[in-house]
Amino acid sequence: MSTEVGPDEIEVLPDCRTSFEPVIVPKRNRRPDGMDQIVLSLYAQRLPTREISADFEDLLGPGVQDTISRIT
């Protein structure tokens, strides 16, 4: 997990009953649904990846620039 101070590890306890359903990022996904389409749309409008990354960092926190680069 990325924090304002730097990377930090958290221990995730198993969900034995599989009753927990994440809201922002669904299970077995690494990024929110639709993020690829949004990034590609912004990139197609000639918005630099640095600006796209800055917008997503406001929502998802630091460390998004690598993900944006992989998508584009």
C-alpha atoms as a PDB file:
ATOM      1  CA  MET A   1       0.000   0.000   0.000  1.00  0.00           C
ATOM      2  CA  SER A   2       1.312   3.477  -0.819  1.00  0.00           C
ATOM      3  CA  THR A   3       1.065   6.142   1.863  1.00  0.00           C
ATOM      4  CA  GLU A   4       2.108   9.773   2.117  1.00  0.00           C
ATOM      5  CA  VAL A   5       5.247   8.658   3.960  1.00  0.00           C
ATOM      6  CA  GLY A   6       6.112   5.834   1.556  1.00  0.00           C
ATOM      7  CA  PRO A   7       5.236   2.207   0.850  1.00  0.00           C
ATOM      8  CA  ASP A   8       3.811   0.167   3.711  1.00  0.00           C
ATOM      9  CA  GLU A   9       2.731  -3.446   3.962  1.00  0.00           C
ATOM     10  CA  ILE A  10      -0.580  -4.467   5.450  1.00  0.00           C
ATOM     11  CA  GLU A  11      -1.729  -7.902   6.456  1.00  0.00           C
ATOM     12  CA  VAL A  12      -4.997  -8.929   4.863  1.00  0.00           C
ATOM     13  CA  LEU A  13      -6.914 -11.537   6.801  1.00  0.00           C
ATOM     14  CA  PRO A  14      -8.622 -14.255   4.787  1.00  0.00           C
ATOM     15  CA  ASP A  15     -12.355 -13.955   4.273  1.00  0.00           C
ATOM     16  CA  CYS A  16     -13.424 -17.502   5.138  1.00  0.00           C
ATOM     17  CA  ARG A  17     -17.062 -16.949   4.246  1.00  0.00           C
ATOM     18  CA  THR A  18     -16.218 -14.827   1.179  1.00  0.00           C
ATOM     19  CA  SER A  19     -18.762 -12.314   2.417  1.00  0.00           C
ATOM     20  CA  PHE A  20     -16.606  -9.203   1.928  1.00  0.00           C
ATOM     21  CA  GLU A  21     -17.131  -7.429  -1.374  1.00  0.00           C
ATOM     22  CA  PRO A  22     -14.777  -4.490  -2.037  1.00  0.00           C
ATOM     23  CA  VAL A  23     -16.399  -1.310  -3.299  1.00  0.00           C
ATOM     24  CA  ILE A  24     -13.710   0.622  -5.212  1.00  0.00           C
ATOM     25  CA  VAL A  25     -11.637  -2.185  -6.719  1.00  0.00           C
ATOM     26  CA  PRO A  26     -13.450  -5.514  -7.172  1.00  0.00           C
ATOM     27  CA  LYS A  27     -11.872  -8.771  -6.041  1.00  0.00           C
ATOM     28  CA  ARG A  28      -9.029 -10.101  -8.208  1.00  0.00           C
ATOM     29  CA  ASN A  29      -8.648  -6.725  -9.964  1.00  0.00           C
ATOM     30  CA  ARG A  30      -5.723  -4.361  -9.597  1.00  0.00           C
ATOM     31  CA  ARG A  31      -7.476  -1.157 -10.632  1.00  0.00           C
ATOM     32  CA  PRO A  32     -11.026   0.234 -10.708  1.00  0.00           C
ATOM     33  CA  ASP A  33     -13.407  -0.885 -13.451  1.00  0.00           C
ATOM     34  CA  GLY A  34     -13.398   1.443 -16.427  1.00  0.00           C
ATOM     35  CA  MET A  35     -10.038   2.993 -15.594  1.00  0.00           C
ATOM     36  CA  ASP A  36      -8.459   1.712 -18.825  1.00  0.00           C
ATOM     37  CA  GLN A  37     -11.186   3.284 -20.952  1.00  0.00           C
ATOM     38  CA  ILE A  38     -10.929   6.622 -19.144  1.00  0.00           C
ATOM     39  CA  VAL A  39      -7.136   6.742 -19.447  1.00  0.00           C
ATOM     40  CA  LEU A  40      -7.200   5.813 -23.128  1.00  0.00           C
ATOM     41  CA  SER A  41      -9.882   8.414 -23.801  1.00  0.00           C
ATOM     42  CA  LEU A  42      -7.827  11.147 -22.117  1.00  0.00           C
ATOM     43  CA  TYR A  43      -4.689   9.978 -23.905  1.00  0.00           C
ATOM     44  CA  ALA A  44      -6.519  10.047 -27.257  1.00  0.00           C
ATOM     45  CA  GLN A  45      -7.393  13.687 -26.549  1.00  0.00           C
ATOM     46  CA  ARG A  46      -3.614  14.332 -26.409  1.00  0.00           C
ATOM     47  CA  LEU A  47      -3.511  14.846 -22.645  1.00  0.00           C
ATOM     48  CA  PRO A  48       0.032  14.032 -21.432  1.00  0.00           C
ATOM     49  CA  THR A  49       0.426  10.974 -19.220  1.00  0.00           C
ATOM     50  CA  ARG A  50       1.855  13.214 -16.497  1.00  0.00           C
ATOM     51  CA  GLU A  51      -1.412  15.177 -16.299  1.00  0.00           C
ATOM     52  CA  ILE A  52      -3.510  11.999 -16.424  1.00  0.00           C
ATOM     53  CA  SER A  53      -1.403  10.567 -13.589  1.00  0.00           C
ATOM     54  CA  ALA A  54      -1.823  13.737 -11.527  1.00  0.00           C
ATOM     55  CA  ASP A  55      -5.613  13.511 -11.819  1.00  0.00           C
ATOM     56  CA  PHE A  56      -5.693   9.848 -10.805  1.00  0.00           C
ATOM     57  CA  GLU A  57      -3.259  10.417  -7.923  1.00  0.00           C
ATOM     58  CA  ASP A  58      -5.846  12.751  -6.388  1.00  0.00           C
ATOM     59  CA  LEU A  59      -8.322   9.857  -6.386  1.00  0.00           C
ATOM     60  CA  LEU A  60      -6.173   6.761  -5.867  1.00  0.00           C
ATOM     61  CA  GLY A  61      -3.021   8.053  -4.194  1.00  0.00           C
ATOM     62  CA  PRO A  62       0.624   8.109  -5.252  1.00  0.00           C
ATOM     63  CA  GLY A  63       2.194   5.497  -7.493  1.00  0.00           C
ATOM     64  CA  VAL A  64      -0.363   5.622 -10.289  1.00  0.00           C
ATOM     65  CA  GLN A  65       2.048   6.864 -12.967  1.00  0.00           C
ATOM     66  CA  ASP A  66       3.397   3.359 -13.718  1.00  0.00           C
ATOM     67  CA  THR A  67      -0.138   2.054 -14.173  1.00  0.00           C
ATOM     68  CA  ILE A  68      -1.015   4.929 -16.525  1.00  0.00           C
ATOM     69  CA  SER A  69       2.123   4.233 -18.565  1.00  0.00           C
ATOM     70  CA  ARG A  70       1.246   0.532 -18.830  1.00  0.00           C
ATOM     71  CA  ILE A  71      -2.276   1.324 -19.988  1.00  0.00           C
ATOM     72  CA  THR A  72      -1.152   3.770 -22.675  1.00  0.00           C
END
